[in-house]
Protein backbone atom coordinates (compact mmCIF):
# COMPACT_ATOMS: atom_id res chain seq x y z
CA UNK A 1 -0.01 -0.04 -0.02
CA UNK A 2 2.80 2.40 0.90
CA UNK A 3 4.60 1.66 -2.33
CA UNK A 4 1.42 2.44 -4.39
CA UNK A 5 0.92 5.72 -2.50
CA UNK A 6 4.51 6.71 -3.07
CA UNK A 7 4.31 5.82 -6.78
CA UNK A 8 1.06 7.84 -7.11
CA UNK A 9 2.62 10.90 -5.41
CA UNK A 10 5.62 10.58 -7.66
CA UNK A 11 3.41 10.43 -10.71
CA UNK A 12 1.48 13.53 -9.63
CA UNK A 13 4.70 15.38 -8.90
CA UNK A 14 6.14 14.28 -12.23
CA UNK A 15 3.08 15.47 -14.11
CA UNK A 16 3.10 18.83 -12.34
CA UNK A 17 6.82 19.19 -13.11
CA UNK A 18 6.36 18.36 -16.78
CA UNK A 19 3.36 20.82 -17.05
CA UNK A 20 5.40 23.49 -15.29
CA UNK A 21 8.34 23.00 -17.71
CA UNK A 22 5.96 23.10 -20.70
CA UNK A 23 4.26 26.21 -19.31
CA UNK A 24 7.56 27.90 -18.66
CA UNK A 25 8.70 27.02 -22.13
CA UNK A 26 5.51 28.36 -23.71
CA UNK A 27 5.71 31.56 -21.63
CA UNK A 28 9.36 32.03 -22.62
CA UNK A 29 8.49 31.32 -26.28
CA UNK A 30 5.58 33.77 -26.18
CA UNK A 31 7.74 36.44 -24.54
CA UNK A 32 10.49 35.89 -27.05
CA UNK A 33 8.06 36.01 -29.94
CA UNK A 34 6.42 39.27 -28.71
CA UNK A 35 9.82 40.81 -27.94
CA UNK A 36 11.05 39.87 -31.37
CA UNK A 37 8.04 41.48 -33.07
CA UNK A 38 8.58 44.81 -31.29
CA UNK A 39 10.40 47.66 -32.98
CA UNK A 40 12.43 50.30 -31.24
CA UNK A 41 13.48 53.88 -31.89
CA UNK A 42 16.28 55.86 -30.32
CA UNK A 43 15.31 59.07 -28.54
CA UNK A 44 17.10 62.00 -30.30
CA UNK A 45 17.08 65.72 -30.78
CA UNK A 46 14.66 66.86 -33.46
CA UNK A 47 11.97 69.34 -34.57
CA UNK A 48 8.22 68.93 -34.19
CA UNK A 49 6.95 70.93 -37.15
CA UNK A 50 3.43 72.00 -37.88
CA UNK A 51 3.08 72.08 -41.67
CA UNK A 52 0.31 71.49 -44.21
CA UNK A 53 0.45 71.30 -48.01
CA UNK A 54 -2.13 73.71 -49.49
CA UNK A 55 -3.09 74.89 -52.97
CA UNK A 56 -2.14 78.38 -53.91
CA UNK A 57 -2.88 80.75 -56.84
CA UNK A 58 -0.38 83.55 -57.25
CA UNK A 59 -0.77 87.04 -58.60
CA UNK A 60 2.13 89.29 -59.66
CA UNK A 61 2.27 92.76 -61.23
CA UNK A 62 2.34 91.83 -64.93
CA UNK A 63 2.06 93.85 -68.14
CA UNK A 64 1.12 92.05 -71.38
CA UNK A 65 3.06 93.14 -74.54
CA UNK A 66 1.26 93.04 -77.90
CA UNK A 67 2.49 92.92 -81.43
CA UNK A 68 2.42 96.32 -83.25
CA UNK A 69 2.10 94.60 -86.59
CA UNK A 70 1.63 91.16 -88.16
CA UNK A 71 4.84 89.24 -88.68
CA UNK A 72 7.53 87.16 -87.06
CA UNK A 73 8.63 87.83 -83.47
CA UNK A 74 12.39 87.67 -82.68
CA UNK A 75 13.21 87.90 -78.95
CA UNK A 76 16.24 89.71 -77.63
CA UNK A 77 16.95 87.58 -74.55
CA UNK A 78 16.12 84.36 -72.74
CA UNK A 79 13.04 83.74 -70.59
CA UNK A 80 13.14 85.57 -67.25
CA UNK A 81 15.77 88.11 -68.29
CA UNK A 82 15.42 91.46 -66.59
CA UNK A 83 15.09 94.56 -68.76
CA UNK A 84 15.00 98.22 -67.80
CA UNK A 85 12.13 100.44 -68.91
CA UNK A 86 12.68 101.44 -72.54
CA UNK A 87 15.04 98.62 -73.42
CA UNK A 88 14.19 96.58 -76.44
CA UNK A 89 12.84 93.11 -75.54
CA UNK A 90 11.83 91.93 -79.07
CA UNK A 91 11.16 92.97 -82.62
CA UNK A 92 8.48 92.08 -85.12
CA UNK A 93 9.60 91.46 -88.71
CA UNK A 94 6.65 92.20 -90.93
CA UNK A 95 5.59 89.59 -93.45
CA UNK A 96 7.65 89.66 -96.65
CA UNK A 97 10.76 91.13 -95.03
CA UNK A 98 13.79 88.83 -94.92
CA UNK A 99 15.38 87.81 -91.64
CA UNK A 100 18.79 88.65 -93.02
CA UNK A 101 17.96 92.30 -92.71
CA UNK A 102 19.05 92.63 -89.17
CA UNK A 103 17.92 96.21 -88.64
CA UNK A 104 14.52 95.63 -90.16
CA UNK A 105 11.32 95.21 -88.20
CA UNK A 106 9.58 97.04 -85.47
CA UNK A 107 11.27 97.07 -82.09
CA UNK A 108 9.23 96.54 -78.96
CA UNK A 109 10.41 98.33 -75.79
CA UNK A 110 9.71 97.40 -72.21
CA UNK A 111 7.00 99.69 -70.88
CA UNK A 112 8.24 99.01 -67.29
CA UNK A 113 11.32 97.53 -65.71
CA UNK A 114 11.00 93.81 -64.92
CA UNK A 115 11.43 90.24 -66.08
CA UNK A 116 10.37 89.34 -69.65
CA UNK A 117 8.58 86.11 -70.39
CA UNK A 118 7.30 85.05 -73.82
CA UNK A 119 5.11 82.36 -72.25
CA UNK A 120 1.73 83.28 -70.91
CA UNK A 121 -1.08 81.51 -69.11
CA UNK A 122 -3.89 83.92 -70.01
CA UNK A 123 -4.36 84.97 -66.40
CA UNK A 124 -2.21 88.10 -66.42
CA UNK A 125 -5.12 90.55 -66.47
CA UNK A 126 -7.37 88.38 -64.34
CA UNK A 127 -5.24 87.20 -61.47
CA UNK A 128 -3.99 90.58 -60.19
CA UNK A 129 -3.52 91.97 -56.63
CA UNK A 130 -6.30 94.45 -57.23
CA UNK A 131 -8.76 91.73 -58.20
CA UNK A 132 -7.84 89.57 -55.25
CA UNK A 133 -8.80 92.43 -52.94
CA UNK A 134 -11.82 93.83 -54.73
CA UNK A 135 -13.55 90.99 -56.58
CA UNK A 136 -15.65 88.07 -55.35
CA UNK A 137 -13.02 85.39 -54.82
CA UNK A 138 -15.29 82.39 -55.61
CA UNK A 139 -16.09 83.83 -59.00
CA UNK A 140 -12.61 85.07 -59.65
CA UNK A 141 -10.93 81.75 -58.97
CA UNK A 142 -13.51 79.87 -61.00
CA UNK A 143 -12.86 82.30 -63.89
CA UNK A 144 -9.21 81.80 -63.41
CA UNK A 145 -9.47 78.02 -63.85
CA UNK A 146 -11.67 78.34 -66.94
CA UNK A 147 -9.42 80.93 -68.69
CA UNK A 148 -6.26 78.92 -67.88
CA UNK A 149 -7.78 75.80 -69.44
CA UNK A 150 -8.81 77.71 -72.58
CA UNK A 151 -5.40 79.26 -72.90
CA UNK A 152 -3.59 75.93 -72.55
CA UNK A 153 -5.77 74.46 -75.25
CA UNK A 154 -5.14 77.36 -77.60
CA UNK A 155 -1.36 77.30 -77.09
CA UNK A 156 -1.34 73.50 -77.64
CA UNK A 157 -3.17 73.88 -80.87
CA UNK A 158 -0.84 76.68 -82.03
CA UNK A 159 2.22 74.69 -80.92
CA UNK A 160 1.24 71.77 -83.21
CA UNK A 161 2.19 73.86 -86.23
CA UNK A 162 5.37 75.35 -84.74
CA UNK A 163 8.73 74.16 -83.81
CA UNK A 164 9.53 73.00 -80.24
CA UNK A 165 11.41 76.27 -79.65
CA UNK A 166 8.41 78.68 -79.81
CA UNK A 167 10.28 81.49 -78.05
CA UNK A 168 11.87 82.57 -81.31
CA UNK A 169 10.58 83.21 -84.85
CA UNK A 170 6.86 82.91 -83.90
CA UNK A 171 4.37 84.30 -86.36
CA UNK A 172 1.83 86.62 -84.73
CA UNK A 173 -1.08 88.76 -85.87
CA UNK A 174 -1.67 92.45 -85.17
CA UNK A 175 -2.24 93.23 -81.43
CA UNK A 176 -1.79 89.53 -80.43
CA UNK A 177 0.22 88.95 -77.20
CA UNK A 178 3.94 88.29 -77.61
CA UNK A 179 4.85 88.05 -73.93
CA UNK A 180 4.71 89.91 -70.63
CA UNK A 181 6.77 91.96 -68.26
CA UNK A 182 6.71 90.97 -64.64
CA UNK A 183 7.71 93.69 -62.07
CA UNK A 184 9.84 91.71 -59.61
CA UNK A 185 10.38 94.72 -57.47
CA UNK A 186 6.76 94.51 -56.40
CA UNK A 187 5.66 91.84 -53.89
CA UNK A 188 3.83 88.71 -54.98
CA UNK A 189 0.25 88.08 -53.84
CA UNK A 190 -1.49 84.79 -53.48
CA UNK A 191 -4.80 83.20 -52.60
CA UNK A 192 -4.22 80.13 -50.44
CA UNK A 193 -6.84 77.48 -49.88
CA UNK A 194 -6.58 77.15 -46.08
CA UNK A 195 -10.11 76.27 -45.26
CA UNK A 196 -12.03 78.37 -42.72
CA UNK A 197 -9.44 79.53 -40.22
CA UNK A 198 -10.66 81.03 -36.90
CA UNK A 199 -7.04 81.34 -35.86
CA UNK A 200 -6.13 83.86 -38.60
CA UNK A 201 -6.89 87.59 -38.58
CA UNK A 202 -6.18 90.37 -41.09
CA UNK A 203 -2.71 91.71 -40.43
CA UNK A 204 -1.31 88.38 -39.14
CA UNK A 205 2.11 87.42 -40.52
CA UNK A 206 2.13 83.84 -41.88
CA UNK A 207 4.97 81.62 -43.03
CA UNK A 208 5.13 79.38 -46.16
CA UNK A 209 7.81 77.16 -47.68
CA UNK A 210 8.00 77.56 -51.47
CA UNK A 211 10.61 75.61 -53.43
CA UNK A 212 12.48 75.01 -50.18
CA UNK A 213 12.56 78.76 -49.46
CA UNK A 214 10.96 80.31 -46.37
CA UNK A 215 8.55 83.12 -47.38
CA UNK A 216 6.65 85.43 -45.10
CA UNK A 217 3.47 87.28 -45.90
CA UNK A 218 0.70 89.36 -44.38
CA UNK A 219 -2.99 88.34 -44.33
CA UNK A 220 -4.84 90.99 -46.33
CA UNK A 221 -8.22 89.35 -46.67
CA UNK A 222 -10.10 86.31 -45.31
CA UNK A 223 -12.58 84.25 -47.27
CA UNK A 224 -15.28 81.82 -46.23
CA UNK A 225 -16.15 80.71 -49.76
CA UNK A 226 -13.78 79.44 -50.85
CA UNK A 227 -12.14 78.98 -47.52
CA UNK A 228 -8.78 80.63 -47.42
CA UNK A 229 -6.89 83.88 -47.30
CA UNK A 230 -5.30 86.50 -49.55
CA UNK A 231 -1.64 86.98 -48.63
CA UNK A 232 0.77 89.71 -49.63
CA UNK A 233 4.39 88.60 -49.45
CA UNK A 234 7.22 90.84 -48.40
CA UNK A 235 8.87 90.49 -51.84
CA UNK A 236 8.54 88.91 -55.26
CA UNK A 237 8.58 85.13 -54.97
CA UNK A 238 10.74 83.41 -57.53
CA UNK A 239 9.03 80.75 -59.67
CA UNK A 240 5.48 82.05 -59.23
CA UNK A 241 5.34 83.49 -62.70
CA UNK A 242 6.19 80.16 -64.39
CA UNK A 243 3.98 78.19 -62.00
CA UNK A 244 1.11 80.33 -60.93
CA UNK A 245 -1.16 77.57 -59.59
CA UNK A 246 0.77 75.17 -57.37
CA UNK A 247 1.01 73.52 -53.98
CA UNK A 248 3.02 75.16 -51.22
CA UNK A 249 3.72 74.31 -47.58
CA UNK A 250 1.98 76.37 -44.85
CA UNK A 251 3.67 76.48 -41.44
CA UNK A 252 0.65 77.27 -39.25
CA UNK A 253 2.53 77.04 -35.96
CA UNK A 254 6.13 77.53 -34.86
CA UNK A 255 8.22 74.31 -34.54
CA UNK A 256 9.37 72.96 -31.18
CA UNK A 257 12.92 71.72 -30.77
CA UNK A 258 13.91 69.06 -28.22
CA UNK A 259 13.97 65.26 -27.61
CA UNK A 260 11.50 63.48 -29.93
CA UNK A 261 9.93 60.08 -30.11
CA UNK A 262 7.55 58.61 -32.71
CA UNK A 263 3.90 59.56 -32.02
CA UNK A 264 2.99 55.85 -32.03
CA UNK A 265 5.31 55.29 -29.02
CA UNK A 266 3.22 57.48 -26.71
CA UNK A 267 0.83 55.69 -24.32
CA UNK A 268 -1.83 56.96 -22.01
CA UNK A 269 -2.39 55.60 -18.55
CA UNK A 270 -5.21 57.56 -16.93
CA UNK A 271 -4.14 61.14 -17.12
CA UNK A 272 -0.47 60.23 -17.41
CA UNK A 273 1.52 60.09 -20.64
CA UNK A 274 4.43 57.74 -21.05
CA UNK A 275 6.51 55.43 -23.16
CA UNK A 276 8.01 52.01 -22.81
CA UNK A 277 11.79 52.15 -22.68
CA UNK A 278 14.43 49.43 -22.95
CA UNK A 279 16.88 49.47 -20.01
CA UNK A 280 19.37 46.73 -19.53
CA UNK A 281 17.42 44.41 -21.75
CA UNK A 282 14.20 44.87 -19.87
CA UNK A 283 11.15 46.86 -21.05
CA UNK A 284 9.94 49.40 -18.45
CA UNK A 285 7.20 52.02 -18.47
CA UNK A 286 8.45 55.61 -18.11
CA UNK A 287 6.17 58.66 -17.68
CA UNK A 288 7.05 61.74 -19.72
CA UNK A 289 5.90 65.35 -20.15
CA UNK A 290 4.61 66.22 -23.65
CA UNK A 291 5.84 69.59 -24.86
CA UNK A 292 4.48 69.39 -28.40
CA UNK A 293 3.31 66.92 -30.96
CA UNK A 294 2.14 66.45 -34.54
CA UNK A 295 0.96 63.46 -36.56
CA UNK A 296 4.44 61.84 -36.62
CA UNK A 297 6.55 63.06 -33.71
CA UNK A 298 6.16 63.94 -30.07
CA UNK A 299 8.54 66.29 -28.21
CA UNK A 300 8.96 65.06 -24.61
CA UNK A 301 10.71 65.77 -21.35
CA UNK A 302 11.75 63.05 -18.82
CA UNK A 303 13.81 60.78 -21.06
CA UNK A 304 17.63 60.63 -21.52
CA UNK A 305 18.84 61.08 -25.05
CA UNK A 306 19.89 57.84 -26.69
CA UNK A 307 17.56 55.52 -24.86
CA UNK A 308 15.41 53.17 -26.94
CA UNK A 309 11.60 53.31 -26.85
CA UNK A 310 9.02 50.82 -28.13
CA UNK A 311 7.48 52.22 -31.28
CA UNK A 312 4.15 50.43 -31.22
CA UNK A 313 3.71 49.12 -27.64
CA UNK A 314 1.09 46.48 -26.66
CA UNK A 315 -0.33 45.24 -23.40
CA UNK A 316 1.70 42.89 -21.31
CA UNK A 317 5.17 44.01 -22.29
CA UNK A 318 6.08 45.59 -18.91
CA UNK A 319 9.05 43.77 -17.48
CA UNK A 320 9.59 41.72 -20.60
CA UNK A 321 13.18 40.70 -21.28
CA UNK A 322 14.55 41.42 -24.77
CA UNK A 323 17.53 39.46 -25.96
CA UNK A 324 20.24 41.47 -27.60
């Protein structure tokens, strides 16, 4: 009887031992699998920026030049060259006059100082600073889109019968446009589609990034339909003549500099904010103070630079050991 009881106790003990070993193995396997699936990011110095890509329609001070006679236009300089008032920008050789007669033709002088462009978009007399301030913006911008489309179609049709280099030796009719002067000493204006902004007021200074350049402007007019604002920049913005309708970056808040972590690393425990950090191979929860944040980054206080944080934490990782 004693031998049977001893054997029975041994069997029970053995079963418990085996189950414990299996459970320990499964727990270790699960922990290793979870730890292996985690990704980490090093805490480093960075900038939390507040930017948004918005659509913009620019207006510059532009004067359209027209042909004084029917003939062939020969330009003096390249696109975007600056001319003084009174300097010759092009000449029109009337039909029937040979090109070899270098002094022949009617010379066209710059009516104002500025940059000369032979290319037009048809919006020079529509998209002006004066119209942005005085006209109904919804109708103006709709008209802008329609006129731009018609001009592009006309230029495409004309271009089918001309050489690829249409800046020289282009045949024009009387009073037809041959180019434009852009006064680059006057500031550029723009309508920016910002949506309805309660945070903006007339007179506010706003910041944009255009072709990697920081540009500052003043809010001159706010619009509910379409939602946005008319901005006057402090100077002429390069590239806005060639690309009038484009996307630019609006910095709607000042950036914050400091230690940053991915936004997905931040956790909430009650009213407390924190992250899971890796210390000596063990994952620990560490509370932090959030200074600023955007969709991608969070600027925090309370963490040493260089420590690793869990990018996408999950429940049950507190105290988990991570093999190096």
